[in-house]
């Protein structure tokens, strides 16, 4: 805005008249759609902030991370057993409650090794799990998360679905 004000005060009268004529000819700002889009963006931001505050409040509860890590360990152990029993070559990277399973032999340590993964097999895995009510990331290059909201029943259903899907791969 400062540069506009500088131009306006330093420009000659002729330039100011041209600018005034142009300004009068353009659409009034903001257009009607902008107001509704801005309102939607603000409402979305408010909801996101409220969700973030709720998550932080829950995580600040005594023992929350211990519970979260126990759930993640339980799921990881169940999935590892299911994968081993299936014989399907996979590699899983995990940190805390976040993990990604790659359909390939050997470690995945960088982009190049991740790109060697069997994305068609992952697609079959994703759709098989989805058809059994387990929602995974749609891309093999994204992570999945265990949350405090997951129950032991949820985790058991996920492991059972994994066993069933792995048997088809």
N, C-alpha and C. Protein backbone atom coordinates (compact mmCIF):
# COMPACT_ATOMS: atom_id res chain seq x y z
N UNK A 1 0.82 -1.20 0.00
CA UNK A 1 0.00 0.00 0.00
C UNK A 1 0.86 1.25 0.00
N UNK A 2 1.99 1.19 0.69
CA UNK A 2 2.86 2.37 0.72
C UNK A 2 3.34 2.73 -0.67
N UNK A 3 3.72 1.72 -1.48
CA UNK A 3 4.23 2.03 -2.81
C UNK A 3 3.13 2.67 -3.65
N UNK A 4 1.88 2.22 -3.49
CA UNK A 4 0.75 2.82 -4.21
C UNK A 4 0.59 4.28 -3.78
N UNK A 5 0.66 4.51 -2.47
CA UNK A 5 0.49 5.87 -1.97
C UNK A 5 1.62 6.77 -2.48
N UNK A 6 2.85 6.23 -2.54
CA UNK A 6 3.96 7.01 -3.05
C UNK A 6 3.72 7.37 -4.51
N UNK A 7 3.25 6.37 -5.29
CA UNK A 7 2.98 6.63 -6.71
C UNK A 7 1.90 7.68 -6.85
N UNK A 8 0.86 7.56 -6.03
CA UNK A 8 -0.26 8.48 -6.14
C UNK A 8 0.15 9.91 -5.82
N UNK A 9 1.00 10.08 -4.84
CA UNK A 9 1.38 11.44 -4.46
C UNK A 9 2.46 11.99 -5.37
N UNK A 10 3.27 11.11 -5.97
CA UNK A 10 4.34 11.62 -6.83
C UNK A 10 3.93 11.70 -8.29
N UNK A 11 2.84 11.04 -8.66
CA UNK A 11 2.42 11.06 -10.07
C UNK A 11 1.79 12.40 -10.41
N UNK A 12 1.85 12.74 -11.66
CA UNK A 12 1.25 14.00 -12.11
C UNK A 12 -0.26 13.91 -12.10
N UNK A 13 -0.91 15.04 -12.27
CA UNK A 13 -2.37 15.11 -12.26
C UNK A 13 -2.97 14.24 -13.35
N UNK A 14 -2.34 14.19 -14.51
CA UNK A 14 -2.84 13.38 -15.62
C UNK A 14 -2.89 11.90 -15.24
N UNK A 15 -1.85 11.41 -14.61
CA UNK A 15 -1.80 10.00 -14.19
C UNK A 15 -2.87 9.72 -13.15
N UNK A 16 -3.05 10.65 -12.23
CA UNK A 16 -4.07 10.45 -11.19
C UNK A 16 -5.45 10.39 -11.81
N UNK A 17 -5.74 11.21 -12.82
CA UNK A 17 -7.05 11.18 -13.48
C UNK A 17 -7.27 9.85 -14.18
N UNK A 18 -6.24 9.35 -14.87
CA UNK A 18 -6.35 8.05 -15.55
C UNK A 18 -6.63 6.94 -14.53
N UNK A 19 -5.90 6.98 -13.41
CA UNK A 19 -6.09 5.97 -12.38
C UNK A 19 -7.50 6.04 -11.81
N UNK A 20 -8.00 7.25 -11.56
CA UNK A 20 -9.35 7.42 -11.02
C UNK A 20 -10.39 6.89 -12.00
N UNK A 21 -10.20 7.15 -13.29
CA UNK A 21 -11.14 6.63 -14.30
C UNK A 21 -11.10 5.12 -14.33
N UNK A 22 -9.89 4.55 -14.26
CA UNK A 22 -9.75 3.09 -14.28
C UNK A 22 -10.39 2.49 -13.04
N UNK A 23 -10.13 3.09 -11.88
CA UNK A 23 -10.68 2.59 -10.62
C UNK A 23 -12.20 2.57 -10.65
N UNK A 24 -12.80 3.56 -11.24
CA UNK A 24 -14.26 3.63 -11.30
C UNK A 24 -14.82 2.56 -12.23
N UNK A 25 -14.02 2.13 -13.23
CA UNK A 25 -14.50 1.17 -14.21
C UNK A 25 -14.39 -0.28 -13.74
N UNK A 26 -13.51 -0.58 -12.78
CA UNK A 26 -13.33 -1.97 -12.35
C UNK A 26 -14.42 -2.37 -11.37
N UNK A 27 -14.57 -3.67 -11.20
CA UNK A 27 -15.59 -4.22 -10.31
C UNK A 27 -15.33 -3.78 -8.87
N UNK A 28 -16.38 -3.57 -8.15
CA UNK A 28 -16.26 -3.19 -6.74
C UNK A 28 -15.62 -4.34 -5.97
N UNK A 29 -14.70 -4.01 -5.12
CA UNK A 29 -14.00 -5.02 -4.33
C UNK A 29 -14.48 -4.97 -2.90
N UNK A 30 -14.71 -6.04 -2.22
CA UNK A 30 -14.57 -7.40 -2.72
C UNK A 30 -15.85 -7.88 -3.40
N UNK A 31 -15.73 -8.77 -4.36
CA UNK A 31 -16.92 -9.32 -5.00
C UNK A 31 -17.70 -10.17 -4.00
N UNK A 32 -18.95 -10.44 -4.28
CA UNK A 32 -19.83 -11.16 -3.36
C UNK A 32 -19.28 -12.55 -3.02
N UNK A 33 -18.74 -13.27 -4.01
CA UNK A 33 -18.23 -14.62 -3.73
C UNK A 33 -17.06 -14.59 -2.76
N UNK A 34 -16.30 -13.50 -2.76
CA UNK A 34 -15.16 -13.40 -1.88
C UNK A 34 -15.60 -13.41 -0.42
N UNK A 35 -16.67 -12.72 -0.14
CA UNK A 35 -17.15 -12.64 1.25
C UNK A 35 -17.53 -14.03 1.75
N UNK A 36 -18.24 -14.83 0.94
CA UNK A 36 -18.63 -16.16 1.40
C UNK A 36 -17.43 -17.09 1.49
N UNK A 37 -16.47 -16.96 0.57
CA UNK A 37 -15.26 -17.77 0.62
C UNK A 37 -14.43 -17.41 1.85
N UNK A 38 -14.34 -16.13 2.14
CA UNK A 38 -13.58 -15.69 3.31
C UNK A 38 -14.25 -16.18 4.59
N UNK A 39 -15.56 -16.12 4.64
CA UNK A 39 -16.29 -16.60 5.81
C UNK A 39 -16.05 -18.11 6.00
N UNK A 40 -16.10 -18.87 4.92
CA UNK A 40 -15.86 -20.32 5.00
C UNK A 40 -14.44 -20.60 5.47
N UNK A 41 -13.48 -19.83 4.99
CA UNK A 41 -12.09 -20.03 5.40
C UNK A 41 -11.92 -19.73 6.89
N UNK A 42 -12.56 -18.69 7.36
CA UNK A 42 -12.48 -18.34 8.79
C UNK A 42 -13.14 -19.42 9.63
N UNK A 43 -14.31 -19.90 9.20
CA UNK A 43 -15.01 -20.95 9.95
C UNK A 43 -14.18 -22.23 9.99
N UNK A 44 -13.53 -22.56 8.87
CA UNK A 44 -12.67 -23.74 8.82
C UNK A 44 -11.48 -23.56 9.75
N UNK A 45 -10.90 -22.38 9.75
CA UNK A 45 -9.76 -22.12 10.62
C UNK A 45 -10.17 -22.23 12.09
N UNK A 46 -11.34 -21.74 12.41
CA UNK A 46 -11.83 -21.83 13.80
C UNK A 46 -11.99 -23.29 14.20
N UNK A 47 -12.57 -24.09 13.33
CA UNK A 47 -12.75 -25.52 13.62
C UNK A 47 -11.39 -26.21 13.78
N UNK A 48 -10.43 -25.86 12.92
CA UNK A 48 -9.10 -26.47 13.00
C UNK A 48 -8.41 -26.10 14.31
N UNK A 49 -8.53 -24.86 14.71
CA UNK A 49 -7.92 -24.42 15.96
C UNK A 49 -8.60 -25.13 17.15
N UNK A 50 -9.90 -25.24 17.11
CA UNK A 50 -10.62 -25.95 18.19
C UNK A 50 -10.19 -27.41 18.26
N UNK A 51 -10.04 -28.05 17.11
CA UNK A 51 -9.58 -29.45 17.09
C UNK A 51 -8.16 -29.56 17.63
N UNK A 52 -7.31 -28.63 17.25
CA UNK A 52 -5.94 -28.63 17.74
C UNK A 52 -5.87 -28.46 19.25
N UNK A 53 -6.68 -27.56 19.78
CA UNK A 53 -6.71 -27.33 21.23
C UNK A 53 -7.22 -28.59 21.94
N UNK A 54 -8.25 -29.22 21.39
CA UNK A 54 -8.78 -30.45 21.99
C UNK A 54 -7.73 -31.56 21.98
N UNK A 55 -6.99 -31.69 20.87
CA UNK A 55 -5.95 -32.72 20.78
C UNK A 55 -4.84 -32.46 21.79
N UNK A 56 -4.41 -31.21 21.88
CA UNK A 56 -3.35 -30.88 22.84
C UNK A 56 -3.81 -31.08 24.28
N UNK A 57 -5.06 -30.77 24.54
CA UNK A 57 -5.61 -30.99 25.88
C UNK A 57 -5.59 -32.46 26.23
N UNK A 58 -6.01 -33.29 25.28
CA UNK A 58 -6.02 -34.75 25.51
C UNK A 58 -4.60 -35.28 25.69
N UNK A 59 -3.67 -34.80 24.88
CA UNK A 59 -2.29 -35.27 24.97
C UNK A 59 -1.59 -34.79 26.23
N UNK A 60 -2.08 -33.71 26.83
CA UNK A 60 -1.46 -33.23 28.06
C UNK A 60 -1.92 -34.02 29.29
N UNK A 61 -2.90 -34.89 29.08
CA UNK A 61 -3.40 -35.74 30.18
C UNK A 61 -2.28 -36.68 30.63
N UNK A 62 -2.15 -36.88 31.91
CA UNK A 62 -1.12 -37.77 32.47
C UNK A 62 -1.29 -39.18 31.88
N UNK A 63 -0.20 -39.71 31.33
CA UNK A 63 -0.20 -41.07 30.80
C UNK A 63 -0.68 -41.19 29.36
N UNK A 64 -0.99 -40.08 28.72
CA UNK A 64 -1.53 -40.13 27.36
C UNK A 64 -0.53 -40.73 26.38
N UNK A 65 0.72 -40.31 26.45
CA UNK A 65 1.72 -40.83 25.50
C UNK A 65 2.05 -42.29 25.78
N UNK A 66 2.03 -42.67 27.03
CA UNK A 66 2.25 -44.08 27.38
C UNK A 66 1.15 -44.93 26.77
N UNK A 67 -0.09 -44.49 26.90
CA UNK A 67 -1.24 -45.19 26.32
C UNK A 67 -1.14 -45.23 24.80
N UNK A 68 -0.79 -44.10 24.19
CA UNK A 68 -0.67 -44.02 22.74
C UNK A 68 0.41 -44.97 22.23
N UNK A 69 1.56 -44.97 22.88
CA UNK A 69 2.65 -45.85 22.46
C UNK A 69 2.31 -47.32 22.67
N UNK A 70 1.57 -47.64 23.71
CA UNK A 70 1.14 -49.02 23.94
C UNK A 70 0.21 -49.48 22.82
N UNK A 71 -0.70 -48.61 22.41
CA UNK A 71 -1.60 -48.95 21.30
C UNK A 71 -0.82 -49.14 20.00
N UNK A 72 0.14 -48.26 19.76
CA UNK A 72 0.95 -48.36 18.54
C UNK A 72 1.80 -49.63 18.56
N UNK A 73 2.36 -49.98 19.71
CA UNK A 73 3.14 -51.22 19.83
C UNK A 73 2.26 -52.43 19.56
N UNK A 74 1.07 -52.43 20.12
CA UNK A 74 0.14 -53.54 19.94
C UNK A 74 -0.20 -53.74 18.46
N UNK A 75 -0.51 -52.66 17.79
CA UNK A 75 -0.83 -52.74 16.36
C UNK A 75 0.38 -53.18 15.55
N UNK A 76 1.54 -52.60 15.84
CA UNK A 76 2.75 -52.95 15.09
C UNK A 76 3.10 -54.42 15.25
N UNK A 77 2.98 -54.95 16.45
CA UNK A 77 3.27 -56.37 16.68
C UNK A 77 2.29 -57.27 15.94
N UNK A 78 1.02 -56.92 16.00
CA UNK A 78 0.00 -57.70 15.30
C UNK A 78 0.19 -57.67 13.79
N UNK A 79 0.51 -56.50 13.27
CA UNK A 79 0.73 -56.36 11.83
C UNK A 79 1.99 -57.11 11.41
N UNK A 80 3.05 -57.05 12.20
CA UNK A 80 4.29 -57.75 11.88
C UNK A 80 4.05 -59.26 11.82
N UNK A 81 3.27 -59.79 12.76
CA UNK A 81 2.94 -61.22 12.73
C UNK A 81 2.14 -61.58 11.49
N UNK A 82 1.17 -60.75 11.15
CA UNK A 82 0.33 -61.01 9.97
C UNK A 82 1.17 -60.97 8.69
N UNK A 83 2.07 -60.01 8.61
CA UNK A 83 2.92 -59.88 7.43
C UNK A 83 3.87 -61.07 7.32
N UNK A 84 4.48 -61.44 8.43
CA UNK A 84 5.42 -62.57 8.43
C UNK A 84 4.71 -63.85 8.01
N UNK A 85 3.51 -64.07 8.55
CA UNK A 85 2.75 -65.28 8.21
C UNK A 85 2.36 -65.32 6.74
N UNK A 86 2.16 -64.16 6.14
CA UNK A 86 1.73 -64.11 4.73
C UNK A 86 2.87 -64.36 3.75
N UNK A 87 4.08 -64.05 4.17
CA UNK A 87 5.22 -64.19 3.28
C UNK A 87 5.35 -63.08 2.25
N UNK A 88 4.50 -62.07 2.33
CA UNK A 88 4.55 -60.93 1.40
C UNK A 88 5.75 -60.06 1.80
N UNK A 89 6.63 -59.75 0.84
CA UNK A 89 7.80 -58.92 1.19
C UNK A 89 7.40 -57.47 1.48
N UNK A 90 7.67 -57.04 2.71
CA UNK A 90 7.37 -55.66 3.10
C UNK A 90 8.50 -55.13 3.97
N UNK A 91 8.50 -53.83 4.13
CA UNK A 91 9.39 -53.15 5.07
C UNK A 91 8.56 -52.07 5.73
N UNK A 92 8.58 -52.03 7.06
CA UNK A 92 7.80 -51.03 7.78
C UNK A 92 8.74 -50.09 8.52
N UNK A 93 8.55 -48.81 8.31
CA UNK A 93 9.25 -47.77 9.07
C UNK A 93 8.25 -47.22 10.08
N UNK A 94 8.71 -47.08 11.32
CA UNK A 94 7.80 -46.60 12.36
C UNK A 94 8.55 -45.71 13.34
N UNK A 95 7.87 -44.64 13.74
CA UNK A 95 8.35 -43.76 14.81
C UNK A 95 7.13 -43.48 15.69
N UNK A 96 7.18 -43.93 16.93
CA UNK A 96 6.06 -43.71 17.84
C UNK A 96 4.78 -44.28 17.29
N UNK A 97 3.77 -43.44 17.17
CA UNK A 97 2.45 -43.90 16.71
C UNK A 97 2.26 -43.71 15.21
N UNK A 98 3.34 -43.43 14.49
CA UNK A 98 3.27 -43.17 13.06
C UNK A 98 4.08 -44.24 12.33
N UNK A 99 3.51 -44.78 11.24
CA UNK A 99 4.24 -45.79 10.50
C UNK A 99 3.81 -45.89 9.05
N UNK A 100 4.69 -46.48 8.25
CA UNK A 100 4.42 -46.70 6.83
C UNK A 100 4.96 -48.06 6.45
N UNK A 101 4.14 -48.85 5.76
CA UNK A 101 4.58 -50.15 5.26
C UNK A 101 4.80 -50.05 3.76
N UNK A 102 5.98 -50.46 3.34
CA UNK A 102 6.34 -50.46 1.92
C UNK A 102 6.34 -51.90 1.42
N UNK A 103 5.84 -52.12 0.24
CA UNK A 103 5.81 -53.45 -0.33
C UNK A 103 7.08 -53.67 -1.15
N UNK A 104 8.12 -54.09 -0.43
CA UNK A 104 9.41 -54.40 -1.03
C UNK A 104 10.28 -55.09 0.01
N UNK A 105 11.33 -55.75 -0.46
CA UNK A 105 12.30 -56.35 0.46
C UNK A 105 13.32 -55.28 0.82
N UNK A 106 13.79 -55.33 2.04
CA UNK A 106 14.88 -54.45 2.42
C UNK A 106 14.43 -53.10 2.93
N UNK A 107 15.37 -52.41 3.55
CA UNK A 107 15.05 -51.13 4.20
C UNK A 107 14.71 -50.01 3.22
N UNK A 108 13.86 -49.11 3.69
CA UNK A 108 13.52 -47.89 2.95
C UNK A 108 14.08 -46.75 3.78
N UNK A 109 15.10 -46.11 3.21
CA UNK A 109 15.80 -45.07 3.96
C UNK A 109 15.78 -43.71 3.28
N UNK A 110 15.35 -43.69 2.02
CA UNK A 110 15.34 -42.43 1.28
C UNK A 110 14.35 -42.54 0.12
N UNK A 111 14.25 -41.47 -0.63
CA UNK A 111 13.30 -41.43 -1.74
C UNK A 111 13.60 -42.51 -2.78
N UNK A 112 14.86 -42.69 -3.09
CA UNK A 112 15.24 -43.68 -4.12
C UNK A 112 14.80 -45.09 -3.71
N UNK A 113 15.04 -45.46 -2.44
CA UNK A 113 14.64 -46.81 -2.01
C UNK A 113 13.12 -46.91 -1.88
N UNK A 114 12.45 -45.84 -1.53
CA UNK A 114 10.97 -45.86 -1.46
C UNK A 114 10.37 -46.05 -2.85
N UNK A 115 10.99 -45.45 -3.86
CA UNK A 115 10.48 -45.55 -5.23
C UNK A 115 10.56 -46.98 -5.78
N UNK A 116 11.36 -47.84 -5.17
CA UNK A 116 11.47 -49.24 -5.62
C UNK A 116 10.30 -50.09 -5.12
N UNK A 117 9.43 -49.51 -4.34
CA UNK A 117 8.30 -50.25 -3.77
C UNK A 117 7.29 -50.63 -4.84
N UNK A 118 6.54 -51.69 -4.55
CA UNK A 118 5.52 -52.19 -5.46
C UNK A 118 4.21 -51.42 -5.19
N UNK A 119 4.01 -50.35 -5.92
CA UNK A 119 2.84 -49.50 -5.68
C UNK A 119 1.54 -50.17 -6.13
N UNK A 120 1.62 -51.09 -7.09
CA UNK A 120 0.41 -51.82 -7.50
C UNK A 120 -0.05 -52.75 -6.38
N UNK A 121 0.90 -53.38 -5.72
CA UNK A 121 0.55 -54.24 -4.59
C UNK A 121 0.00 -53.38 -3.45
N UNK A 122 0.59 -52.21 -3.25
CA UNK A 122 0.07 -51.30 -2.22
C UNK A 122 -1.36 -50.89 -2.55
N UNK A 123 -1.65 -50.62 -3.82
CA UNK A 123 -3.01 -50.24 -4.22
C UNK A 123 -3.99 -51.35 -3.89
N UNK A 124 -3.60 -52.61 -4.15
CA UNK A 124 -4.47 -53.75 -3.81
C UNK A 124 -4.64 -53.84 -2.30
N UNK A 125 -3.58 -53.60 -1.56
CA UNK A 125 -3.62 -53.58 -0.08
C UNK A 125 -4.57 -52.49 0.42
N UNK A 126 -4.40 -51.29 -0.12
CA UNK A 126 -5.23 -50.16 0.28
C UNK A 126 -6.71 -50.47 0.03
N UNK A 127 -7.05 -50.93 -1.18
CA UNK A 127 -8.46 -51.17 -1.50
C UNK A 127 -9.02 -52.36 -0.72
N UNK A 128 -8.19 -53.38 -0.48
CA UNK A 128 -8.64 -54.51 0.34
C UNK A 128 -8.94 -54.08 1.77
N UNK A 129 -8.07 -53.27 2.33
CA UNK A 129 -8.29 -52.78 3.69
C UNK A 129 -9.50 -51.86 3.74
N UNK A 130 -9.63 -51.00 2.73
CA UNK A 130 -10.76 -50.08 2.67
C UNK A 130 -12.09 -50.84 2.61
N UNK A 131 -12.12 -51.91 1.82
CA UNK A 131 -13.36 -52.69 1.71
C UNK A 131 -13.72 -53.39 3.02
N UNK A 132 -12.75 -53.50 3.91
CA UNK A 132 -12.98 -54.10 5.23
C UNK A 132 -13.14 -53.04 6.32
N UNK A 133 -13.26 -51.78 5.91
CA UNK A 133 -13.52 -50.71 6.86
C UNK A 133 -12.29 -50.10 7.51
N UNK A 134 -11.10 -50.39 6.98
CA UNK A 134 -9.88 -49.81 7.53
C UNK A 134 -9.38 -48.77 6.54
N UNK A 135 -9.29 -47.55 6.99
CA UNK A 135 -8.93 -46.42 6.13
C UNK A 135 -7.45 -46.12 6.27
N UNK A 136 -6.68 -46.46 5.24
CA UNK A 136 -5.25 -46.19 5.20
C UNK A 136 -4.99 -45.01 4.27
N UNK A 137 -3.77 -44.51 4.32
CA UNK A 137 -3.38 -43.46 3.38
C UNK A 137 -3.44 -44.05 1.96
N UNK A 138 -3.98 -43.33 1.00
CA UNK A 138 -4.13 -43.87 -0.35
C UNK A 138 -2.82 -44.00 -1.12
N UNK A 139 -1.75 -43.41 -0.63
CA UNK A 139 -0.46 -43.51 -1.29
C UNK A 139 0.51 -44.24 -0.38
N UNK A 140 1.33 -45.09 -0.98
CA UNK A 140 2.32 -45.83 -0.20
C UNK A 140 3.34 -44.90 0.43
N UNK A 141 3.43 -43.68 -0.04
CA UNK A 141 4.45 -42.76 0.43
C UNK A 141 3.92 -41.81 1.51
N UNK A 142 2.84 -42.20 2.15
CA UNK A 142 2.27 -41.43 3.26
C UNK A 142 2.28 -42.30 4.51
N UNK A 143 2.16 -41.68 5.65
CA UNK A 143 2.19 -42.41 6.92
C UNK A 143 0.79 -42.62 7.46
N UNK A 144 0.66 -43.65 8.27
CA UNK A 144 -0.57 -43.91 9.02
C UNK A 144 -0.32 -43.60 10.48
N UNK A 145 -1.38 -43.34 11.21
CA UNK A 145 -1.25 -42.95 12.60
C UNK A 145 -2.21 -43.73 13.48
N UNK A 146 -1.74 -44.10 14.65
CA UNK A 146 -2.60 -44.64 15.70
C UNK A 146 -2.93 -43.45 16.59
N UNK A 147 -4.17 -43.40 17.05
CA UNK A 147 -4.56 -42.29 17.92
C UNK A 147 -5.11 -42.81 19.23
N UNK A 148 -5.27 -41.91 20.17
CA UNK A 148 -5.87 -42.29 21.45
C UNK A 148 -7.32 -42.71 21.29
N UNK A 149 -7.95 -42.30 20.21
CA UNK A 149 -9.35 -42.66 19.97
C UNK A 149 -9.50 -44.12 19.55
N UNK A 150 -8.42 -44.74 19.04
CA UNK A 150 -8.51 -46.14 18.64
C UNK A 150 -8.67 -47.03 19.88
N UNK A 151 -9.58 -47.98 19.78
CA UNK A 151 -9.79 -48.93 20.87
C UNK A 151 -9.06 -50.23 20.54
N UNK A 152 -8.95 -51.12 21.53
CA UNK A 152 -8.33 -52.43 21.27
C UNK A 152 -9.14 -53.16 20.21
N UNK A 153 -10.44 -53.01 20.24
CA UNK A 153 -11.30 -53.63 19.23
C UNK A 153 -10.96 -53.10 17.83
N UNK A 154 -10.76 -51.80 17.71
CA UNK A 154 -10.37 -51.21 16.42
C UNK A 154 -9.06 -51.83 15.94
N UNK A 155 -8.09 -51.93 16.84
CA UNK A 155 -6.78 -52.46 16.46
C UNK A 155 -6.88 -53.94 16.09
N UNK A 156 -7.67 -54.70 16.83
CA UNK A 156 -7.87 -56.12 16.49
C UNK A 156 -8.55 -56.27 15.13
N UNK A 157 -9.52 -55.43 14.84
CA UNK A 157 -10.19 -55.48 13.53
C UNK A 157 -9.21 -55.12 12.41
N UNK A 158 -8.32 -54.18 12.67
CA UNK A 158 -7.31 -53.80 11.68
C UNK A 158 -6.36 -54.97 11.40
N UNK A 159 -5.93 -55.64 12.44
CA UNK A 159 -5.02 -56.78 12.28
C UNK A 159 -5.73 -57.92 11.54
N UNK A 160 -6.97 -58.19 11.89
CA UNK A 160 -7.74 -59.24 11.21
C UNK A 160 -7.93 -58.90 9.73
N UNK A 161 -8.23 -57.66 9.43
CA UNK A 161 -8.39 -57.24 8.05
C UNK A 161 -7.07 -57.39 7.31
N UNK A 162 -5.96 -57.03 7.94
CA UNK A 162 -4.65 -57.16 7.32
C UNK A 162 -4.36 -58.62 6.97
N UNK A 163 -4.65 -59.53 7.88
CA UNK A 163 -4.43 -60.96 7.62
C UNK A 163 -5.23 -61.40 6.39
N UNK A 164 -6.48 -60.98 6.33
CA UNK A 164 -7.33 -61.37 5.20
C UNK A 164 -6.84 -60.80 3.88
N UNK A 165 -6.44 -59.53 3.88
CA UNK A 165 -5.98 -58.89 2.66
C UNK A 165 -4.63 -59.44 2.23
N UNK A 166 -3.73 -59.62 3.16
CA UNK A 166 -2.41 -60.15 2.83
C UNK A 166 -2.51 -61.54 2.19
N UNK A 167 -3.49 -62.31 2.57
CA UNK A 167 -3.69 -63.65 1.99
C UNK A 167 -4.06 -63.56 0.51
N UNK A 168 -4.55 -62.42 0.06
CA UNK A 168 -4.94 -62.25 -1.34
C UNK A 168 -3.85 -61.63 -2.21
N UNK A 169 -2.78 -61.16 -1.58
CA UNK A 169 -1.74 -60.46 -2.35
C UNK A 169 -0.69 -61.41 -2.92
